[in-house]
Amino acid sequence: MAARTSPTARAPDVPTVNAPHAAYGCHEPHDQYAPYVAHGPIEIPQPHVPYLVRRVAHPVNARLDEHLPTDHKLSQVYRVGAGLVGLLLVCFGILGLIDRIGFFDTGGATVLALNTNGALSVLSICFGLLLFVGMVIGGNFASTLNIVLGLLFIASGFVNLALLDTGLNFLAFHIQNVLFSFVVGVMLMWFGMYGRVGSALPHDNPYWRARNPEQAAREDRARAARAGTVPAH
């Protein structure tokens, strides 16, 4: 009598060899491999950019007059910084023109202990007047202008430092001029970034509010709720 085979009997284990998966870049057979799962387009992360550079390159969309009065402390700092540095540059330029120094003279004429010539005097007056415009306008414009001009003065210091002993030193820079350019650049950047860049800004700061709109809204609602529960006297 022939033996009956159970329908549930299992076939002997036979190693299976999967076909090559050339569609995925492989042409060799494998015993086991994970199935291909499509994950959609690959997103390449953006390169890390320092916080300070991102804040300067992409200022937040906040205006002082949207949150605070125009005579707020931040706007006053921006105005005072632009006005003081602008006055210093204009005085330096005017004194250089009064002395009738040649436009590209490199003979060593000095004004306020700094070497100068006609070209440097005119440039100083132009930058000083531009800072006066920032002082009059105030607000975000003055802040951004201070930052941009501060970066330009620092860059100018490095460029003219490399040109000190060359025939391309048309602005008659000496080492004291280079140091002065660095100092003015740092001052302008400090005035421009005051209250705008930092990790410990107060929560009534317009720039902090623009960067944290949800938390600012929650704090406003909580403040309004507390004000509504205070009994009237």
Protein backbone atom coordinates (compact mmCIF):
# COMPACT_ATOMS: atom_id res chain seq x y z
CA MET A 1 0.00 0.00 0.00
CA ALA A 2 1.42 3.23 -1.09
CA ALA A 3 2.23 5.64 1.61
CA ARG A 4 0.05 8.64 1.73
CA THR A 5 1.66 11.99 1.87
CA SER A 6 0.21 14.57 4.15
CA PRO A 7 -0.85 17.77 2.45
CA THR A 8 0.97 19.64 5.17
CA ALA A 9 4.25 17.81 4.67
CA ARG A 10 7.08 20.23 4.10
CA ALA A 11 9.51 19.84 1.27
CA PRO A 12 13.10 19.40 2.23
CA ASP A 13 15.00 22.63 2.73
CA VAL A 14 16.57 23.53 -0.56
CA PRO A 15 18.76 26.58 -0.61
CA THR A 16 17.33 29.11 -2.95
CA VAL A 17 19.47 31.46 -4.90
CA ASN A 18 17.91 34.73 -5.81
CA ALA A 19 18.42 36.13 -9.25
CA PRO A 20 20.87 38.91 -9.81
CA HIS A 21 19.36 42.34 -9.28
CA ALA A 22 21.07 44.26 -12.04
CA ALA A 23 18.46 46.98 -11.79
CA TYR A 24 20.07 47.98 -8.50
CA GLY A 25 23.63 47.94 -9.80
CA CYS A 26 24.57 44.33 -8.85
CA HIS A 27 25.15 41.46 -11.33
CA GLU A 28 25.95 38.62 -8.89
CA PRO A 29 23.43 36.17 -7.37
CA HIS A 30 22.89 36.37 -3.61
CA ASP A 31 21.41 33.93 -1.12
CA GLN A 32 19.80 36.73 0.79
CA TYR A 33 19.49 40.42 0.31
CA ALA A 34 17.16 43.05 1.53
CA PRO A 35 14.48 44.05 -0.92
CA TYR A 36 14.80 47.43 -2.52
CA VAL A 37 12.55 50.06 -0.99
CA ALA A 38 12.05 53.35 -2.74
CA HIS A 39 12.45 56.32 -0.41
CA GLY A 40 11.82 59.13 -2.85
CA PRO A 41 14.31 61.86 -3.74
CA ILE A 42 17.33 62.15 -1.51
CA GLU A 43 17.53 65.47 0.30
CA ILE A 44 21.04 66.81 0.57
CA PRO A 45 21.43 68.74 3.84
CA GLN A 46 22.52 72.30 3.54
CA PRO A 47 26.08 73.04 4.62
CA HIS A 48 26.48 74.35 8.11
CA VAL A 49 26.64 78.14 8.20
CA PRO A 50 27.66 79.94 11.37
CA TYR A 51 24.81 81.67 13.17
CA LEU A 52 26.38 85.12 12.90
CA VAL A 53 26.91 84.80 9.14
CA ARG A 54 23.31 83.66 8.60
CA ARG A 55 21.95 86.57 10.61
CA VAL A 56 24.01 89.10 8.66
CA ALA A 57 23.33 87.58 5.25
CA HIS A 58 19.61 87.05 5.89
CA PRO A 59 18.32 89.67 8.36
CA VAL A 60 15.03 88.77 9.99
CA ASN A 61 11.90 90.47 8.70
CA ALA A 62 11.33 92.65 11.72
CA ARG A 63 10.97 96.38 11.90
CA LEU A 64 11.29 98.35 15.07
CA ASP A 65 8.19 100.41 14.40
CA GLU A 66 6.04 97.27 14.17
CA HIS A 67 6.66 96.37 17.82
CA LEU A 68 8.23 99.29 19.62
CA PRO A 69 8.24 103.09 19.44
CA THR A 70 10.71 104.71 17.05
CA ASP A 71 12.64 106.25 19.96
CA HIS A 72 13.31 102.81 21.45
CA LYS A 73 16.75 102.10 22.86
CA LEU A 74 17.76 99.92 19.89
CA SER A 75 17.06 102.61 17.33
CA GLN A 76 18.89 105.17 19.47
CA VAL A 77 21.98 102.94 19.61
CA TYR A 78 21.98 102.52 15.83
CA ARG A 79 21.57 106.25 15.30
CA VAL A 80 24.23 107.26 17.80
CA GLY A 81 26.73 104.75 16.42
CA ALA A 82 26.22 105.88 12.85
CA GLY A 83 26.35 109.55 13.83
CA LEU A 84 29.52 109.36 15.92
CA VAL A 85 31.52 107.37 13.37
CA GLY A 86 30.15 109.48 10.53
CA LEU A 87 31.20 112.70 12.29
CA LEU A 88 34.70 111.33 12.84
CA LEU A 89 35.07 110.37 9.17
CA VAL A 90 33.72 113.68 7.88
CA CYS A 91 36.07 115.69 10.13
CA PHE A 92 39.02 113.59 9.00
CA GLY A 93 38.11 114.08 5.35
CA ILE A 94 37.53 117.83 5.62
CA LEU A 95 40.83 118.40 7.39
CA GLY A 96 42.57 116.46 4.65
CA LEU A 97 40.99 118.61 1.93
CA ILE A 98 41.78 121.84 3.79
CA ASP A 99 45.47 120.92 3.77
CA ARG A 100 45.26 120.64 -0.05
CA ILE A 101 47.04 117.32 -0.15
CA GLY A 102 47.45 115.82 -3.61
CA PHE A 103 44.71 113.44 -4.71
CA PHE A 104 47.00 110.42 -4.91
CA ASP A 105 49.91 111.90 -2.98
CA THR A 106 51.91 109.35 -0.97
CA GLY A 107 54.37 111.81 0.51
CA GLY A 108 53.37 111.14 4.10
CA ALA A 109 50.96 114.00 4.86
CA THR A 110 49.11 113.37 8.12
CA VAL A 111 45.80 114.45 9.63
CA LEU A 112 44.91 113.50 13.21
CA ALA A 113 48.05 111.31 13.30
CA LEU A 114 46.82 109.35 10.26
CA ASN A 115 48.34 109.40 6.80
CA THR A 116 46.02 110.71 4.12
CA ASN A 117 45.72 112.17 0.65
CA GLY A 118 42.94 113.71 -1.42
CA ALA A 119 41.41 110.40 -2.46
CA LEU A 120 41.23 109.08 1.11
CA SER A 121 39.76 112.38 2.29
CA VAL A 122 36.98 112.28 -0.30
CA LEU A 123 36.20 108.63 0.50
CA SER A 124 36.05 109.44 4.21
CA ILE A 125 33.57 112.26 3.61
CA CYS A 126 31.39 110.03 1.40
CA PHE A 127 31.24 107.25 3.99
CA GLY A 128 30.62 109.78 6.75
CA LEU A 129 27.69 111.32 4.87
CA LEU A 130 26.27 107.85 4.22
CA LEU A 131 26.39 107.17 7.95
CA PHE A 132 24.59 110.48 8.57
CA VAL A 133 21.81 109.23 6.30
CA GLY A 134 21.60 106.08 8.43
CA MET A 135 21.48 108.23 11.56
CA VAL A 136 18.52 110.21 10.19
CA ILE A 137 16.57 107.14 9.04
CA GLY A 138 17.41 104.95 12.04
CA GLY A 139 15.78 101.58 12.67
CA ASN A 140 16.66 98.54 10.61
CA PHE A 141 18.30 100.64 7.91
CA ALA A 142 20.82 102.16 10.32
CA SER A 143 21.53 98.75 11.88
CA THR A 144 22.16 97.04 8.53
CA LEU A 145 24.18 99.99 7.23
CA ASN A 146 26.44 99.90 10.28
CA ILE A 147 27.03 96.17 9.84
CA VAL A 148 27.78 96.42 6.11
CA LEU A 149 30.12 99.39 6.43
CA GLY A 150 31.81 97.74 9.41
CA LEU A 151 32.58 94.69 7.28
CA LEU A 152 33.87 96.96 4.49
CA PHE A 153 36.22 98.80 6.86
CA ILE A 154 37.62 95.53 8.20
CA ALA A 155 38.09 94.20 4.67
CA SER A 156 39.75 97.50 3.70
CA GLY A 157 42.18 97.11 6.57
CA PHE A 158 43.28 93.68 5.36
CA VAL A 159 43.54 94.77 1.70
CA ASN A 160 45.54 97.90 2.45
CA LEU A 161 47.76 95.97 4.85
CA ALA A 162 48.78 93.81 1.91
CA LEU A 163 49.41 96.93 -0.23
CA LEU A 164 51.47 98.95 2.25
CA ASP A 165 54.84 98.54 0.56
CA THR A 166 53.63 98.33 -3.02
CA GLY A 167 53.00 100.81 -5.78
CA LEU A 168 49.26 100.16 -5.49
CA ASN A 169 48.95 101.98 -2.17
CA PHE A 170 46.98 104.84 -3.76
CA LEU A 171 45.28 105.81 -0.49
CA ALA A 172 48.63 106.42 1.27
CA PHE A 173 47.86 103.92 4.03
CA HIS A 174 50.39 103.35 6.79
CA ILE A 175 50.10 100.86 9.61
CA GLN A 176 48.22 103.38 11.77
CA ASN A 177 45.61 103.73 9.04
CA VAL A 178 45.20 99.95 8.95
CA LEU A 179 44.65 99.83 12.71
CA PHE A 180 42.21 102.73 12.48
CA SER A 181 40.25 100.90 9.78
CA PHE A 182 40.01 97.80 11.99
CA VAL A 183 38.86 99.85 14.99
CA VAL A 184 36.19 101.71 13.01
CA GLY A 185 34.99 98.46 11.46
CA VAL A 186 34.61 96.74 14.82
CA MET A 187 32.83 99.79 16.28
CA LEU A 188 30.34 99.92 13.42
CA MET A 189 29.63 96.20 13.62
CA TRP A 190 29.09 96.42 17.38
CA PHE A 191 26.67 99.32 17.00
CA GLY A 192 24.84 97.55 14.16
CA MET A 193 24.53 94.17 15.87
CA TYR A 194 23.55 95.51 19.27
CA GLY A 195 20.27 93.93 20.28
CA ARG A 196 20.02 92.12 16.97
CA VAL A 197 22.41 89.17 17.19
CA GLY A 198 22.75 87.12 20.35
CA SER A 199 21.47 84.12 22.24
CA ALA A 200 20.13 86.04 25.27
CA LEU A 201 17.93 88.71 23.72
CA PRO A 202 15.01 89.92 25.88
CA HIS A 203 11.62 88.61 24.82
CA ASP A 204 10.28 92.09 24.04
CA ASN A 205 13.02 92.49 21.44
CA PRO A 206 11.51 92.76 17.92
CA TYR A 207 14.22 90.57 16.40
CA TRP A 208 13.66 87.86 19.00
CA ARG A 209 9.92 88.04 18.38
CA ALA A 210 10.42 87.70 14.63
CA ARG A 211 12.59 84.61 15.11
CA ASN A 212 10.25 83.01 17.67
CA PRO A 213 6.73 84.00 16.57
CA GLU A 214 4.96 81.05 18.21
CA GLN A 215 6.55 81.53 21.62
CA ALA A 216 6.01 85.28 21.38
CA ALA A 217 2.31 84.69 20.65
CA ARG A 218 2.00 82.32 23.63
CA GLU A 219 3.63 84.85 25.93
CA ASP A 220 1.31 87.57 24.63
CA ARG A 221 -1.75 85.42 25.32
CA ALA A 222 -0.49 84.53 28.79
CA ARG A 223 0.20 88.19 29.53
CA ALA A 224 -3.25 89.19 28.31
CA ALA A 225 -4.85 86.44 30.43
CA ARG A 226 -3.01 87.62 33.56
CA ALA A 227 -4.03 91.19 32.87
CA GLY A 228 -7.66 90.11 32.53
CA THR A 229 -7.68 88.34 35.91
CA VAL A 230 -6.23 91.26 37.85
CA PRO A 231 -9.04 92.90 39.78
CA ALA A 232 -9.64 96.55 39.01
CA HIS A 233 -8.91 99.00 41.83
